[in-house]
Amino acid sequence: MKTSIGFAKKKFLPLLAIILIVSVTELIIGGISTYLIYSISASLMAQILVQMLLNLLIFPFLVIWVTYYFREWKASNQLA
């Protein structure tokens, strides 16, 4: 827990940038998918399933990206 808090304090802006980039990308893809689904069907269930699938694909990408960044930061601090 202490390591995570220290990492977040030192690397707040890069972490915020990663989260914002992924969030904006997800909003854009979600908006496009909403428009396309509602142009084909008015089914709310179809929209919910597409949003769930989108979150299923995007969230692990965010976790992997932040983990990679953390490991890179940790390795650079151990060498110093």
C-alpha atoms as a PDB file:
ATOM      1  CA  MET A   1       0.000   0.000   0.000  1.00  0.00           C
ATOM      2  CA  LYS A   2       2.826   2.368   0.890  1.00  0.00           C
ATOM      3  CA  THR A   3       4.524   1.725  -2.454  1.00  0.00           C
ATOM      4  CA  SER A   4       1.321   2.450  -4.364  1.00  0.00           C
ATOM      5  CA  ILE A   5       0.735   5.726  -2.529  1.00  0.00           C
ATOM      6  CA  GLY A   6       4.333   6.808  -3.124  1.00  0.00           C
ATOM      7  CA  PHE A   7       4.046   5.926  -6.795  1.00  0.00           C
ATOM      8  CA  ALA A   8       0.790   7.856  -7.146  1.00  0.00           C
ATOM      9  CA  LYS A   9       2.234  10.925  -5.435  1.00  0.00           C
ATOM     10  CA  LYS A  10       5.395  11.014  -7.555  1.00  0.00           C
ATOM     11  CA  LYS A  11       3.758  10.111 -10.868  1.00  0.00           C
ATOM     12  CA  PHE A  12       0.340  11.731 -10.480  1.00  0.00           C
ATOM     13  CA  LEU A  13       0.257  13.663 -13.767  1.00  0.00           C
ATOM     14  CA  PRO A  14       1.423  10.771 -15.995  1.00  0.00           C
ATOM     15  CA  LEU A  15      -1.087   8.458 -14.317  1.00  0.00           C
ATOM     16  CA  LEU A  16      -3.829  11.024 -14.750  1.00  0.00           C
ATOM     17  CA  ALA A  17      -2.867  11.416 -18.412  1.00  0.00           C
ATOM     18  CA  ILE A  18      -3.058   7.646 -18.980  1.00  0.00           C
ATOM     19  CA  ILE A  19      -6.472   7.449 -17.322  1.00  0.00           C
ATOM     20  CA  LEU A  20      -7.774  10.457 -19.271  1.00  0.00           C
ATOM     21  CA  ILE A  21      -6.495   9.130 -22.616  1.00  0.00           C
ATOM     22  CA  VAL A  22      -8.145   5.758 -22.048  1.00  0.00           C
ATOM     23  CA  SER A  23     -11.368   7.381 -20.767  1.00  0.00           C
ATOM     24  CA  VAL A  24     -11.683   9.763 -23.707  1.00  0.00           C
ATOM     25  CA  THR A  25     -10.987   6.922 -26.138  1.00  0.00           C
ATOM     26  CA  GLU A  26     -13.656   4.822 -24.459  1.00  0.00           C
ATOM     27  CA  LEU A  27     -16.133   7.721 -24.588  1.00  0.00           C
ATOM     28  CA  ILE A  28     -15.523   8.231 -28.291  1.00  0.00           C
ATOM     29  CA  ILE A  29     -15.843   4.533 -29.121  1.00  0.00           C
ATOM     30  CA  GLY A  30     -18.900   4.271 -26.848  1.00  0.00           C
ATOM     31  CA  GLY A  31     -20.563   7.257 -28.517  1.00  0.00           C
ATOM     32  CA  ILE A  32     -19.959   5.862 -31.976  1.00  0.00           C
ATOM     33  CA  SER A  33     -21.230   2.428 -30.944  1.00  0.00           C
ATOM     34  CA  THR A  34     -24.328   3.987 -29.340  1.00  0.00           C
ATOM     35  CA  TYR A  35     -25.105   5.890 -32.522  1.00  0.00           C
ATOM     36  CA  LEU A  36     -24.604   2.811 -34.696  1.00  0.00           C
ATOM     37  CA  ILE A  37     -26.684   0.534 -32.467  1.00  0.00           C
ATOM     38  CA  TYR A  38     -29.563   2.979 -32.187  1.00  0.00           C
ATOM     39  CA  SER A  39     -29.540   3.491 -35.954  1.00  0.00           C
ATOM     40  CA  ILE A  40     -30.015  -0.265 -36.372  1.00  0.00           C
ATOM     41  CA  SER A  41     -32.167  -1.112 -33.359  1.00  0.00           C
ATOM     42  CA  ALA A  42     -33.836   0.669 -30.455  1.00  0.00           C
ATOM     43  CA  SER A  43     -32.998  -2.199 -28.126  1.00  0.00           C
ATOM     44  CA  LEU A  44     -31.564  -1.052 -24.821  1.00  0.00           C
ATOM     45  CA  MET A  45     -30.237  -4.559 -24.186  1.00  0.00           C
ATOM     46  CA  ALA A  46     -28.081  -4.372 -27.323  1.00  0.00           C
ATOM     47  CA  GLN A  47     -26.637  -1.057 -26.136  1.00  0.00           C
ATOM     48  CA  ILE A  48     -25.899  -2.429 -22.666  1.00  0.00           C
ATOM     49  CA  LEU A  49     -24.188  -5.501 -24.107  1.00  0.00           C
ATOM     50  CA  VAL A  50     -21.993  -3.388 -26.377  1.00  0.00           C
ATOM     51  CA  GLN A  51     -21.023  -1.122 -23.469  1.00  0.00           C
ATOM     52  CA  MET A  52     -20.203  -4.167 -21.344  1.00  0.00           C
ATOM     53  CA  LEU A  53     -18.084  -5.619 -24.144  1.00  0.00           C
ATOM     54  CA  LEU A  54     -16.296  -2.302 -24.579  1.00  0.00           C
ATOM     55  CA  ASN A  55     -15.507  -2.137 -20.851  1.00  0.00           C
ATOM     56  CA  LEU A  56     -14.405  -5.769 -20.948  1.00  0.00           C
ATOM     57  CA  LEU A  57     -11.840  -4.876 -23.620  1.00  0.00           C
ATOM     58  CA  ILE A  58     -10.696  -1.435 -22.428  1.00  0.00           C
ATOM     59  CA  PHE A  59     -10.310  -1.931 -18.667  1.00  0.00           C
ATOM     60  CA  PRO A  60      -7.672  -4.697 -18.896  1.00  0.00           C
ATOM     61  CA  PHE A  61      -5.744  -2.523 -21.355  1.00  0.00           C
ATOM     62  CA  LEU A  62      -5.702   0.268 -18.765  1.00  0.00           C
ATOM     63  CA  VAL A  63      -4.500  -2.094 -16.033  1.00  0.00           C
ATOM     64  CA  ILE A  64      -1.739  -3.495 -18.257  1.00  0.00           C
ATOM     65  CA  TRP A  65      -0.620  -0.012 -19.287  1.00  0.00           C
ATOM     66  CA  VAL A  66      -0.423   1.265 -15.704  1.00  0.00           C
ATOM     67  CA  THR A  67       1.351  -1.932 -14.578  1.00  0.00           C
ATOM     68  CA  TYR A  68       3.924  -1.570 -17.347  1.00  0.00           C
ATOM     69  CA  TYR A  69       4.506   2.053 -16.374  1.00  0.00           C
ATOM     70  CA  PHE A  70       4.866   1.101 -12.687  1.00  0.00           C
ATOM     71  CA  ARG A  71       7.375  -1.667 -13.433  1.00  0.00           C
ATOM     72  CA  GLU A  72       9.404   0.668 -15.632  1.00  0.00           C
ATOM     73  CA  TRP A  73       9.450   3.309 -12.869  1.00  0.00           C
ATOM     74  CA  LYS A  74      10.364   0.711 -10.253  1.00  0.00           C
ATOM     75  CA  ALA A  75      13.261  -0.614 -12.363  1.00  0.00           C
ATOM     76  CA  SER A  76      14.627   2.885 -12.972  1.00  0.00           C
ATOM     77  CA  ASN A  77      14.582   3.635  -9.234  1.00  0.00           C
ATOM     78  CA  GLN A  78      16.355   0.402  -8.333  1.00  0.00           C
ATOM     79  CA  LEU A  79      19.179   1.137 -10.752  1.00  0.00           C
ATOM     80  CA  ALA A  80      19.739   4.631  -9.359  1.00  0.00           C
END
